Full PDB file with SEQRES, HELIX, SHEET, SSBOND, CRYST1, ORIGX, SCALE, CONECT and MASTER records, all heavy atoms in Angstrom:
SEQRES   1 A   36  VAL LEU THR GLY ARG PHE VAL GLU ALA PHE HIS TYR ASN          
SEQRES   2 A   36  PRO CYS ILE TYR LEU TRP ILE LEU LEU ALA ALA TYR VAL          
SEQRES   3 A   36  GLY TRP GLN ARG TYR ILE ARG GLY LYS LYS                      
HELIX    1 AA1 PHE A    6  TYR A   12  1                                   7    
HELIX    2 AA2 ILE A   16  GLY A   27  1                                  12    
HELIX    3 AA3 TRP A   28  ILE A   32  3                                   5    
CRYST1    1.000    1.000    1.000  90.00  90.00  90.00 P 1           1          
ORIGX1      1.000000  0.000000  0.000000        0.00000                         
ORIGX2      0.000000  1.000000  0.000000        0.00000                         
ORIGX3      0.000000  0.000000  1.000000        0.00000                         
SCALE1      1.000000  0.000000  0.000000        0.00000                         
SCALE2      0.000000  1.000000  0.000000        0.00000                         
SCALE3      0.000000  0.000000  1.000000        0.00000                         
ATOM      1  N   VAL A   1      -8.273 -17.718  -2.793  1.00  0.00           N  
ATOM      2  CA  VAL A   1      -8.662 -17.659  -1.333  1.00  0.00           C  
ATOM      3  C   VAL A   1     -10.149 -17.995  -1.218  1.00  0.00           C  
ATOM      4  O   VAL A   1     -10.448 -18.747  -0.274  1.00  0.00           O  
ATOM      5  CB  VAL A   1      -8.516 -16.179  -0.893  1.00  0.00           C  
ATOM      6  CG1 VAL A   1      -9.130 -15.924   0.468  1.00  0.00           C  
ATOM      7  CG2 VAL A   1      -6.909 -15.905  -0.804  1.00  0.00           C  
ATOM      8  N   LEU A   2     -10.985 -17.533  -2.058  1.00  0.00           N  
ATOM      9  CA  LEU A   2     -12.393 -17.866  -1.978  1.00  0.00           C  
ATOM     10  C   LEU A   2     -12.719 -19.360  -2.160  1.00  0.00           C  
ATOM     11  O   LEU A   2     -13.840 -19.744  -1.603  1.00  0.00           O  
ATOM     12  CB  LEU A   2     -13.257 -17.058  -2.982  1.00  0.00           C  
ATOM     13  CG  LEU A   2     -13.132 -15.536  -2.701  1.00  0.00           C  
ATOM     14  CD1 LEU A   2     -13.893 -14.732  -3.830  1.00  0.00           C  
ATOM     15  CD2 LEU A   2     -13.767 -15.115  -1.330  1.00  0.00           C  
ATOM     16  N   THR A   3     -11.807 -20.063  -2.813  1.00  0.00           N  
ATOM     17  CA  THR A   3     -11.988 -21.490  -3.046  1.00  0.00           C  
ATOM     18  C   THR A   3     -11.188 -22.316  -2.040  1.00  0.00           C  
ATOM     19  O   THR A   3     -11.025 -23.521  -2.224  1.00  0.00           O  
ATOM     20  CB  THR A   3     -11.787 -21.886  -4.517  1.00  0.00           C  
ATOM     21  OG1 THR A   3     -10.534 -21.451  -4.842  1.00  0.00           O  
ATOM     22  CG2 THR A   3     -12.891 -21.254  -5.420  1.00  0.00           C  
ATOM     23  N   GLY A   4     -10.605 -21.677  -1.140  1.00  0.00           N  
ATOM     24  CA  GLY A   4      -9.753 -22.362  -0.095  1.00  0.00           C  
ATOM     25  C   GLY A   4      -8.476 -22.779  -0.487  1.00  0.00           C  
ATOM     26  O   GLY A   4      -7.831 -23.617   0.207  1.00  0.00           O  
ATOM     27  N   ARG A   5      -7.926 -22.317  -1.583  1.00  0.00           N  
ATOM     28  CA  ARG A   5      -6.526 -22.718  -2.017  1.00  0.00           C  
ATOM     29  C   ARG A   5      -5.593 -21.670  -1.584  1.00  0.00           C  
ATOM     30  O   ARG A   5      -5.062 -20.877  -2.414  1.00  0.00           O  
ATOM     31  CB  ARG A   5      -6.632 -22.947  -3.428  1.00  0.00           C  
ATOM     32  CG  ARG A   5      -7.507 -24.139  -3.760  1.00  0.00           C  
ATOM     33  CD  ARG A   5      -8.009 -24.225  -5.227  1.00  0.00           C  
ATOM     34  NE  ARG A   5      -6.991 -24.368  -6.127  1.00  0.00           N  
ATOM     35  CZ  ARG A   5      -7.021 -24.280  -7.424  1.00  0.00           C  
ATOM     36  NH1 ARG A   5      -8.359 -24.060  -7.971  1.00  0.00           N  
ATOM     37  NH2 ARG A   5      -6.066 -24.376  -8.244  1.00  0.00           N  
ATOM     38  N   PHE A   6      -5.261 -21.626  -0.401  1.00  0.00           N  
ATOM     39  CA  PHE A   6      -4.525 -20.554   0.240  1.00  0.00           C  
ATOM     40  C   PHE A   6      -3.055 -20.451  -0.176  1.00  0.00           C  
ATOM     41  O   PHE A   6      -2.498 -19.409  -0.324  1.00  0.00           O  
ATOM     42  CB  PHE A   6      -4.600 -20.624   1.758  1.00  0.00           C  
ATOM     43  CG  PHE A   6      -6.058 -20.624   2.210  1.00  0.00           C  
ATOM     44  CD1 PHE A   6      -6.584 -21.695   2.809  1.00  0.00           C  
ATOM     45  CD2 PHE A   6      -6.807 -19.468   1.996  1.00  0.00           C  
ATOM     46  CE1 PHE A   6      -7.911 -21.717   3.237  1.00  0.00           C  
ATOM     47  CE2 PHE A   6      -8.205 -19.433   2.375  1.00  0.00           C  
ATOM     48  CZ  PHE A   6      -8.658 -20.640   3.020  1.00  0.00           C  
ATOM     49  N   VAL A   7      -2.350 -21.627  -0.391  1.00  0.00           N  
ATOM     50  CA  VAL A   7      -1.017 -21.512  -0.822  1.00  0.00           C  
ATOM     51  C   VAL A   7      -0.802 -21.104  -2.277  1.00  0.00           C  
ATOM     52  O   VAL A   7      -0.042 -20.248  -2.661  1.00  0.00           O  
ATOM     53  CB  VAL A   7      -0.379 -22.961  -0.760  1.00  0.00           C  
ATOM     54  CG1 VAL A   7       1.025 -23.006  -1.431  1.00  0.00           C  
ATOM     55  CG2 VAL A   7      -0.344 -23.525   0.649  1.00  0.00           C  
ATOM     56  N   GLU A   8      -1.887 -21.512  -3.076  1.00  0.00           N  
ATOM     57  CA  GLU A   8      -1.880 -21.027  -4.491  1.00  0.00           C  
ATOM     58  C   GLU A   8      -2.212 -19.374  -4.573  1.00  0.00           C  
ATOM     59  O   GLU A   8      -1.561 -18.650  -5.361  1.00  0.00           O  
ATOM     60  CB  GLU A   8      -2.973 -21.646  -5.422  1.00  0.00           C  
ATOM     61  CG  GLU A   8      -2.519 -23.155  -5.822  1.00  0.00           C  
ATOM     62  CD  GLU A   8      -3.218 -24.079  -4.735  1.00  0.00           C  
ATOM     63  OE1 GLU A   8      -3.536 -23.716  -3.603  1.00  0.00           O  
ATOM     64  OE2 GLU A   8      -3.556 -25.143  -5.176  1.00  0.00           O  
ATOM     65  N   ALA A   9      -3.113 -19.005  -3.710  1.00  0.00           N  
ATOM     66  CA  ALA A   9      -3.304 -17.577  -3.551  1.00  0.00           C  
ATOM     67  C   ALA A   9      -2.033 -16.787  -3.216  1.00  0.00           C  
ATOM     68  O   ALA A   9      -1.701 -15.801  -3.739  1.00  0.00           O  
ATOM     69  CB  ALA A   9      -4.392 -17.363  -2.454  1.00  0.00           C  
ATOM     70  N   PHE A  10      -1.306 -17.243  -2.265  1.00  0.00           N  
ATOM     71  CA  PHE A  10      -0.099 -16.574  -1.803  1.00  0.00           C  
ATOM     72  C   PHE A  10       0.875 -16.645  -3.022  1.00  0.00           C  
ATOM     73  O   PHE A  10       1.646 -15.646  -3.124  1.00  0.00           O  
ATOM     74  CB  PHE A  10       0.540 -17.391  -0.540  1.00  0.00           C  
ATOM     75  CG  PHE A  10       1.730 -16.715   0.027  1.00  0.00           C  
ATOM     76  CD1 PHE A  10       1.510 -15.664   0.963  1.00  0.00           C  
ATOM     77  CD2 PHE A  10       3.058 -16.977  -0.383  1.00  0.00           C  
ATOM     78  CE1 PHE A  10       2.601 -14.973   1.511  1.00  0.00           C  
ATOM     79  CE2 PHE A  10       4.175 -16.363   0.082  1.00  0.00           C  
ATOM     80  CZ  PHE A  10       3.898 -15.338   1.038  1.00  0.00           C  
ATOM     81  N   HIS A  11       0.946 -17.683  -3.713  1.00  0.00           N  
ATOM     82  CA  HIS A  11       1.839 -17.768  -4.890  1.00  0.00           C  
ATOM     83  C   HIS A  11       1.554 -16.625  -5.963  1.00  0.00           C  
ATOM     84  O   HIS A  11       2.388 -16.033  -6.425  1.00  0.00           O  
ATOM     85  CB  HIS A  11       1.885 -19.071  -5.651  1.00  0.00           C  
ATOM     86  CG  HIS A  11       2.496 -19.070  -6.811  1.00  0.00           C  
ATOM     87  ND1 HIS A  11       3.904 -19.200  -7.155  1.00  0.00           N  
ATOM     88  CD2 HIS A  11       1.939 -19.210  -8.173  1.00  0.00           C  
ATOM     89  CE1 HIS A  11       4.241 -19.179  -8.317  1.00  0.00           C  
ATOM     90  NE2 HIS A  11       3.131 -19.215  -9.006  1.00  0.00           N  
ATOM     91  N   TYR A  12       0.245 -16.446  -6.203  1.00  0.00           N  
ATOM     92  CA  TYR A  12      -0.136 -15.466  -7.237  1.00  0.00           C  
ATOM     93  C   TYR A  12      -0.003 -14.068  -6.813  1.00  0.00           C  
ATOM     94  O   TYR A  12       0.442 -13.221  -7.583  1.00  0.00           O  
ATOM     95  CB  TYR A  12      -1.446 -15.829  -7.756  1.00  0.00           C  
ATOM     96  CG  TYR A  12      -1.541 -16.794  -8.890  1.00  0.00           C  
ATOM     97  CD1 TYR A  12      -1.675 -18.156  -8.684  1.00  0.00           C  
ATOM     98  CD2 TYR A  12      -1.319 -16.319 -10.110  1.00  0.00           C  
ATOM     99  CE1 TYR A  12      -1.518 -18.911  -9.686  1.00  0.00           C  
ATOM    100  CE2 TYR A  12      -1.178 -17.162 -11.225  1.00  0.00           C  
ATOM    101  CZ  TYR A  12      -1.367 -18.591 -10.893  1.00  0.00           C  
ATOM    102  OH  TYR A  12      -1.273 -19.515 -12.033  1.00  0.00           O  
ATOM    103  N   ASN A  13      -0.200 -13.786  -5.598  1.00  0.00           N  
ATOM    104  CA  ASN A  13       0.013 -12.407  -5.074  1.00  0.00           C  
ATOM    105  C   ASN A  13      -0.146 -12.501  -3.514  1.00  0.00           C  
ATOM    106  O   ASN A  13      -1.327 -12.512  -3.093  1.00  0.00           O  
ATOM    107  CB  ASN A  13      -0.980 -11.339  -5.639  1.00  0.00           C  
ATOM    108  CG  ASN A  13      -0.327 -10.017  -5.420  1.00  0.00           C  
ATOM    109  OD1 ASN A  13       0.099  -9.646  -4.241  1.00  0.00           O  
ATOM    110  ND2 ASN A  13      -0.495  -9.162  -6.533  1.00  0.00           N  
ATOM    111  N   PRO A  14       0.940 -12.517  -2.860  1.00  0.00           N  
ATOM    112  CA  PRO A  14       0.825 -12.653  -1.363  1.00  0.00           C  
ATOM    113  C   PRO A  14       0.196 -11.439  -0.702  1.00  0.00           C  
ATOM    114  O   PRO A  14      -0.347 -11.690   0.430  1.00  0.00           O  
ATOM    115  CB  PRO A  14       2.368 -12.770  -0.884  1.00  0.00           C  
ATOM    116  CG  PRO A  14       3.162 -12.242  -2.034  1.00  0.00           C  
ATOM    117  CD  PRO A  14       2.353 -12.512  -3.315  1.00  0.00           C  
ATOM    118  N   CYS A  15       0.036 -10.331  -1.321  1.00  0.00           N  
ATOM    119  CA  CYS A  15      -0.564  -9.129  -0.707  1.00  0.00           C  
ATOM    120  C   CYS A  15      -1.979  -9.259  -0.749  1.00  0.00           C  
ATOM    121  O   CYS A  15      -2.728  -8.394  -0.045  1.00  0.00           O  
ATOM    122  CB  CYS A  15      -0.158  -7.847  -1.401  1.00  0.00           C  
ATOM    123  SG  CYS A  15       1.613  -7.502  -1.204  1.00  0.00           S  
ATOM    124  N   ILE A  16      -2.504 -10.262  -1.273  1.00  0.00           N  
ATOM    125  CA  ILE A  16      -4.163 -10.495  -1.291  1.00  0.00           C  
ATOM    126  C   ILE A  16      -4.582 -10.567   0.077  1.00  0.00           C  
ATOM    127  O   ILE A  16      -5.691 -10.098   0.512  1.00  0.00           O  
ATOM    128  CB  ILE A  16      -4.549 -11.773  -2.112  1.00  0.00           C  
ATOM    129  CG1 ILE A  16      -6.057 -11.616  -2.400  1.00  0.00           C  
ATOM    130  CG2 ILE A  16      -4.164 -13.008  -1.495  1.00  0.00           C  
ATOM    131  CD1 ILE A  16      -6.507 -10.394  -3.231  1.00  0.00           C  
ATOM    132  N   TYR A  17      -3.855 -11.204   0.970  1.00  0.00           N  
ATOM    133  CA  TYR A  17      -4.283 -11.427   2.407  1.00  0.00           C  
ATOM    134  C   TYR A  17      -4.350  -9.916   3.099  1.00  0.00           C  
ATOM    135  O   TYR A  17      -5.266  -9.752   3.923  1.00  0.00           O  
ATOM    136  CB  TYR A  17      -3.363 -12.258   3.181  1.00  0.00           C  
ATOM    137  CG  TYR A  17      -3.549 -13.565   2.645  1.00  0.00           C  
ATOM    138  CD1 TYR A  17      -2.452 -14.159   1.831  1.00  0.00           C  
ATOM    139  CD2 TYR A  17      -4.547 -14.383   2.797  1.00  0.00           C  
ATOM    140  CE1 TYR A  17      -2.517 -15.485   1.301  1.00  0.00           C  
ATOM    141  CE2 TYR A  17      -4.750 -15.740   2.304  1.00  0.00           C  
ATOM    142  CZ  TYR A  17      -3.677 -16.246   1.503  1.00  0.00           C  
ATOM    143  OH  TYR A  17      -3.803 -17.439   1.013  1.00  0.00           O  
ATOM    144  N   LEU A  18      -3.454  -8.999   2.748  1.00  0.00           N  
ATOM    145  CA  LEU A  18      -3.423  -7.639   3.314  1.00  0.00           C  
ATOM    146  C   LEU A  18      -4.619  -6.927   2.773  1.00  0.00           C  
ATOM    147  O   LEU A  18      -5.369  -6.171   3.519  1.00  0.00           O  
ATOM    148  CB  LEU A  18      -2.151  -6.852   3.006  1.00  0.00           C  
ATOM    149  CG  LEU A  18      -0.876  -7.468   3.485  1.00  0.00           C  
ATOM    150  CD1 LEU A  18       0.336  -6.749   3.023  1.00  0.00           C  
ATOM    151  CD2 LEU A  18      -1.000  -7.469   5.052  1.00  0.00           C  
ATOM    152  N   TRP A  19      -4.968  -7.057   1.506  1.00  0.00           N  
ATOM    153  CA  TRP A  19      -6.130  -6.433   0.925  1.00  0.00           C  
ATOM    154  C   TRP A  19      -7.465  -6.948   1.584  1.00  0.00           C  
ATOM    155  O   TRP A  19      -8.352  -6.160   1.864  1.00  0.00           O  
ATOM    156  CB  TRP A  19      -6.195  -6.556  -0.535  1.00  0.00           C  
ATOM    157  CG  TRP A  19      -5.159  -5.814  -1.320  1.00  0.00           C  
ATOM    158  CD1 TRP A  19      -4.198  -6.216  -2.037  1.00  0.00           C  
ATOM    159  CD2 TRP A  19      -5.087  -4.304  -1.299  1.00  0.00           C  
ATOM    160  NE1 TRP A  19      -3.459  -5.157  -2.493  1.00  0.00           N  
ATOM    161  CE2 TRP A  19      -3.985  -4.001  -2.126  1.00  0.00           C  
ATOM    162  CE3 TRP A  19      -5.835  -3.263  -0.676  1.00  0.00           C  
ATOM    163  CZ2 TRP A  19      -3.571  -2.814  -2.214  1.00  0.00           C  
ATOM    164  CZ3 TRP A  19      -5.374  -2.022  -0.862  1.00  0.00           C  
ATOM    165  CH2 TRP A  19      -4.224  -1.751  -1.697  1.00  0.00           C  
ATOM    166  N   ILE A  20      -7.546  -8.298   1.799  1.00  0.00           N  
ATOM    167  CA  ILE A  20      -8.656  -8.837   2.420  1.00  0.00           C  
ATOM    168  C   ILE A  20      -8.855  -8.300   3.834  1.00  0.00           C  
ATOM    169  O   ILE A  20      -9.992  -7.987   4.261  1.00  0.00           O  
ATOM    170  CB  ILE A  20      -8.617 -10.336   2.361  1.00  0.00           C  
ATOM    171  CG1 ILE A  20      -8.761 -10.834   1.080  1.00  0.00           C  
ATOM    172  CG2 ILE A  20      -9.629 -10.951   3.391  1.00  0.00           C  
ATOM    173  CD1 ILE A  20      -8.513 -12.375   0.748  1.00  0.00           C  
ATOM    174  N   LEU A  21      -7.770  -8.254   4.684  1.00  0.00           N  
ATOM    175  CA  LEU A  21      -7.833  -7.614   5.943  1.00  0.00           C  
ATOM    176  C   LEU A  21      -8.340  -6.217   5.912  1.00  0.00           C  
ATOM    177  O   LEU A  21      -9.108  -5.764   6.719  1.00  0.00           O  
ATOM    178  CB  LEU A  21      -6.554  -7.775   6.694  1.00  0.00           C  
ATOM    179  CG  LEU A  21      -6.076  -9.293   7.109  1.00  0.00           C  
ATOM    180  CD1 LEU A  21      -4.657  -9.140   7.650  1.00  0.00           C  
ATOM    181  CD2 LEU A  21      -7.047  -9.786   8.169  1.00  0.00           C  
ATOM    182  N   LEU A  22      -7.783  -5.465   5.008  1.00  0.00           N  
ATOM    183  CA  LEU A  22      -8.218  -4.018   4.867  1.00  0.00           C  
ATOM    184  C   LEU A  22      -9.575  -3.928   4.599  1.00  0.00           C  
ATOM    185  O   LEU A  22     -10.367  -3.042   5.076  1.00  0.00           O  
ATOM    186  CB  LEU A  22      -7.272  -3.375   3.799  1.00  0.00           C  
ATOM    187  CG  LEU A  22      -7.619  -1.834   3.543  1.00  0.00           C  
ATOM    188  CD1 LEU A  22      -7.429  -1.023   4.980  1.00  0.00           C  
ATOM    189  CD2 LEU A  22      -6.725  -1.276   2.553  1.00  0.00           C  
ATOM    190  N   ALA A  23     -10.061  -4.805   3.585  1.00  0.00           N  
ATOM    191  CA  ALA A  23     -11.618  -4.699   3.270  1.00  0.00           C  
ATOM    192  C   ALA A  23     -12.432  -5.125   4.345  1.00  0.00           C  
ATOM    193  O   ALA A  23     -13.475  -4.522   4.570  1.00  0.00           O  
ATOM    194  CB  ALA A  23     -11.712  -5.533   1.954  1.00  0.00           C  
ATOM    195  N   ALA A  24     -11.953  -6.114   5.034  1.00  0.00           N  
ATOM    196  CA  ALA A  24     -12.778  -6.551   6.279  1.00  0.00           C  
ATOM    197  C   ALA A  24     -12.869  -5.426   7.334  1.00  0.00           C  
ATOM    198  O   ALA A  24     -13.950  -5.184   7.796  1.00  0.00           O  
ATOM    199  CB  ALA A  24     -12.141  -7.777   6.907  1.00  0.00           C  
ATOM    200  N   TYR A  25     -11.704  -4.685   7.580  1.00  0.00           N  
ATOM    201  CA  TYR A  25     -11.710  -3.634   8.455  1.00  0.00           C  
ATOM    202  C   TYR A  25     -12.667  -2.509   8.037  1.00  0.00           C  
ATOM    203  O   TYR A  25     -13.490  -2.001   8.752  1.00  0.00           O  
ATOM    204  CB  TYR A  25     -10.225  -3.004   8.647  1.00  0.00           C  
ATOM    205  CG  TYR A  25     -10.230  -1.687   9.418  1.00  0.00           C  
ATOM    206  CD1 TYR A  25     -10.695  -1.598  10.681  1.00  0.00           C  
ATOM    207  CD2 TYR A  25      -9.820  -0.549   8.732  1.00  0.00           C  
ATOM    208  CE1 TYR A  25     -10.619  -0.385  11.372  1.00  0.00           C  
ATOM    209  CE2 TYR A  25      -9.766   0.639   9.365  1.00  0.00           C  
ATOM    210  CZ  TYR A  25     -10.207   0.707  10.735  1.00  0.00           C  
ATOM    211  OH  TYR A  25     -10.160   1.935  11.252  1.00  0.00           O  
ATOM    212  N   VAL A  26     -12.462  -2.207   6.769  1.00  0.00           N  
ATOM    213  CA  VAL A  26     -13.322  -0.971   6.240  1.00  0.00           C  
ATOM    214  C   VAL A  26     -14.796  -1.354   6.318  1.00  0.00           C  
ATOM    215  O   VAL A  26     -15.689  -0.605   6.665  1.00  0.00           O  
ATOM    216  CB  VAL A  26     -12.865  -0.585   4.872  1.00  0.00           C  
ATOM    217  CG1 VAL A  26     -13.861   0.359   4.280  1.00  0.00           C  
ATOM    218  CG2 VAL A  26     -11.537   0.044   4.972  1.00  0.00           C  
ATOM    219  N   GLY A  27     -15.060  -2.570   5.772  1.00  0.00           N  
ATOM    220  CA  GLY A  27     -16.467  -3.174   5.777  1.00  0.00           C  
ATOM    221  C   GLY A  27     -17.126  -3.115   7.182  1.00  0.00           C  
ATOM    222  O   GLY A  27     -18.293  -2.707   7.437  1.00  0.00           O  
ATOM    223  N   TRP A  28     -16.296  -3.621   8.112  1.00  0.00           N  
ATOM    224  CA  TRP A  28     -16.853  -3.615   9.516  1.00  0.00           C  
ATOM    225  C   TRP A  28     -17.091  -2.346  10.027  1.00  0.00           C  
ATOM    226  O   TRP A  28     -18.237  -2.104  10.579  1.00  0.00           O  
ATOM    227  CB  TRP A  28     -15.821  -4.295  10.417  1.00  0.00           C  
ATOM    228  CG  TRP A  28     -16.270  -4.478  11.846  1.00  0.00           C  
ATOM    229  CD1 TRP A  28     -15.816  -3.528  12.872  1.00  0.00           C  
ATOM    230  CD2 TRP A  28     -16.955  -5.426  12.473  1.00  0.00           C  
ATOM    231  NE1 TRP A  28     -16.488  -3.974  13.995  1.00  0.00           N  
ATOM    232  CE2 TRP A  28     -17.258  -5.026  13.890  1.00  0.00           C  
ATOM    233  CE3 TRP A  28     -17.659  -6.546  12.000  1.00  0.00           C  
ATOM    234  CZ2 TRP A  28     -17.907  -5.808  14.724  1.00  0.00           C  
ATOM    235  CZ3 TRP A  28     -18.385  -7.308  12.867  1.00  0.00           C  
ATOM    236  CH2 TRP A  28     -18.534  -6.945  14.193  1.00  0.00           C  
ATOM    237  N   GLN A  29     -16.245  -1.315   9.880  1.00  0.00           N  
ATOM    238  CA  GLN A  29     -16.435  -0.016  10.219  1.00  0.00           C  
ATOM    239  C   GLN A  29     -17.572   0.604   9.579  1.00  0.00           C  
ATOM    240  O   GLN A  29     -18.481   1.279  10.194  1.00  0.00           O  
ATOM    241  CB  GLN A  29     -15.243   0.769  10.108  1.00  0.00           C  
ATOM    242  CG  GLN A  29     -13.954   0.465  10.930  1.00  0.00           C  
ATOM    243  CD  GLN A  29     -14.223   0.717  12.474  1.00  0.00           C  
ATOM    244  OE1 GLN A  29     -14.578  -0.274  13.130  1.00  0.00           O  
ATOM    245  NE2 GLN A  29     -14.274   2.009  12.834  1.00  0.00           N  
ATOM    246  N   ARG A  30     -17.718   0.527   8.281  1.00  0.00           N  
ATOM    247  CA  ARG A  30     -18.681   1.209   7.453  1.00  0.00           C  
ATOM    248  C   ARG A  30     -20.018   0.471   7.665  1.00  0.00           C  
ATOM    249  O   ARG A  30     -21.084   1.181   7.901  1.00  0.00           O  
ATOM    250  CB  ARG A  30     -18.329   1.142   6.002  1.00  0.00           C  
ATOM    251  CG  ARG A  30     -19.372   1.529   5.083  1.00  0.00           C  
ATOM    252  CD  ARG A  30     -19.627   3.039   4.976  1.00  0.00           C  
ATOM    253  NE  ARG A  30     -20.589   3.442   4.113  1.00  0.00           N  
ATOM    254  CZ  ARG A  30     -21.788   4.106   4.560  1.00  0.00           C  
ATOM    255  NH1 ARG A  30     -21.838   4.393   5.829  1.00  0.00           N  
ATOM    256  NH2 ARG A  30     -22.710   4.335   3.732  1.00  0.00           N  
ATOM    257  N   TYR A  31     -20.222  -0.769   7.592  1.00  0.00           N  
ATOM    258  CA  TYR A  31     -21.474  -1.365   7.570  1.00  0.00           C  
ATOM    259  C   TYR A  31     -21.993  -1.803   8.975  1.00  0.00           C  
ATOM    260  O   TYR A  31     -23.061  -1.578   9.272  1.00  0.00           O  
ATOM    261  CB  TYR A  31     -21.584  -2.567   6.584  1.00  0.00           C  
ATOM    262  CG  TYR A  31     -21.308  -1.997   5.159  1.00  0.00           C  
ATOM    263  CD1 TYR A  31     -20.052  -2.341   4.520  1.00  0.00           C  
ATOM    264  CD2 TYR A  31     -22.087  -1.062   4.600  1.00  0.00           C  
ATOM    265  CE1 TYR A  31     -19.765  -1.813   3.240  1.00  0.00           C  
ATOM    266  CE2 TYR A  31     -21.821  -0.630   3.267  1.00  0.00           C  
ATOM    267  CZ  TYR A  31     -20.710  -0.890   2.600  1.00  0.00           C  
ATOM    268  OH  TYR A  31     -20.349  -0.362   1.444  1.00  0.00           O  
ATOM    269  N   ILE A  32     -21.113  -2.392   9.649  1.00  0.00           N  
ATOM    270  CA  ILE A  32     -21.550  -2.887  10.983  1.00  0.00           C  
ATOM    271  C   ILE A  32     -21.609  -1.803  11.997  1.00  0.00           C  
ATOM    272  O   ILE A  32     -22.638  -1.707  12.774  1.00  0.00           O  
ATOM    273  CB  ILE A  32     -20.581  -4.082  11.485  1.00  0.00           C  
ATOM    274  CG1 ILE A  32     -20.551  -5.206  10.402  1.00  0.00           C  
ATOM    275  CG2 ILE A  32     -21.119  -4.581  12.843  1.00  0.00           C  
ATOM    276  CD1 ILE A  32     -21.753  -5.878   9.987  1.00  0.00           C  
ATOM    277  N   ARG A  33     -20.499  -1.060  12.152  1.00  0.00           N  
ATOM    278  CA  ARG A  33     -20.490   0.045  13.112  1.00  0.00           C  
ATOM    279  C   ARG A  33     -21.080   1.311  12.599  1.00  0.00           C  
ATOM    280  O   ARG A  33     -21.416   2.197  13.485  1.00  0.00           O  
ATOM    281  CB  ARG A  33     -19.047   0.227  13.558  1.00  0.00           C  
ATOM    282  CG  ARG A  33     -18.494  -0.982  14.231  1.00  0.00           C  
ATOM    283  CD  ARG A  33     -17.211  -0.668  14.954  1.00  0.00           C  
ATOM    284  NE  ARG A  33     -17.493   0.074  16.119  1.00  0.00           N  
ATOM    285  CZ  ARG A  33     -16.419   0.957  16.535  1.00  0.00           C  
ATOM    286  NH1 ARG A  33     -15.266   1.057  15.883  1.00  0.00           N  
ATOM    287  NH2 ARG A  33     -16.762   1.757  17.548  1.00  0.00           N  
ATOM    288  N   GLY A  34     -21.222   1.524  11.283  1.00  0.00           N  
ATOM    289  CA  GLY A  34     -21.715   2.668  10.823  1.00  0.00           C  
ATOM    290  C   GLY A  34     -20.871   3.952  10.881  1.00  0.00           C  
ATOM    291  O   GLY A  34     -21.394   5.041  11.055  1.00  0.00           O  
ATOM    292  N   LYS A  35     -19.555   3.638  11.002  1.00  0.00           N  
ATOM    293  CA  LYS A  35     -18.582   4.775  11.191  1.00  0.00           C  
ATOM    294  C   LYS A  35     -17.625   4.795   9.982  1.00  0.00           C  
ATOM    295  O   LYS A  35     -17.438   3.886   9.301  1.00  0.00           O  
ATOM    296  CB  LYS A  35     -17.896   4.602  12.408  1.00  0.00           C  
ATOM    297  CG  LYS A  35     -18.738   4.732  13.655  1.00  0.00           C  
ATOM    298  CD  LYS A  35     -17.898   4.583  14.959  1.00  0.00           C  
ATOM    299  CE  LYS A  35     -18.715   4.581  16.062  1.00  0.00           C  
ATOM    300  NZ  LYS A  35     -18.078   4.661  17.342  1.00  0.00           N  
ATOM    301  N   LYS A  36     -16.929   5.932   9.904  1.00  0.00           N  
ATOM    302  CA  LYS A  36     -15.816   5.947   8.958  1.00  0.00           C  
ATOM    303  C   LYS A  36     -14.648   5.086   9.340  1.00  0.00           C  
ATOM    304  O   LYS A  36     -14.340   5.070  10.644  1.00  0.00           O  
ATOM    305  CB  LYS A  36     -15.437   7.519   8.789  1.00  0.00           C  
ATOM    306  CG  LYS A  36     -14.403   7.633   7.681  1.00  0.00           C  
ATOM    307  CD  LYS A  36     -14.025   9.181   7.462  1.00  0.00           C  
ATOM    308  CE  LYS A  36     -13.055   9.351   6.494  1.00  0.00           C  
ATOM    309  NZ  LYS A  36     -12.663  10.747   6.264  1.00  0.00           N  
TER     310      LYS A  36                                                      
MASTER        0    0    0    3    0    0    0    6  309    1    0    3          
END                                                                             
């Protein structure tokens, strides 16, 4: 994913995209908004 090879990423573990979305949500809430 970090190197832009999205199909290969999906092949190795399709759930990586869910983890990235979750990390983005938690990071946004924690660091940008300052909330839990």
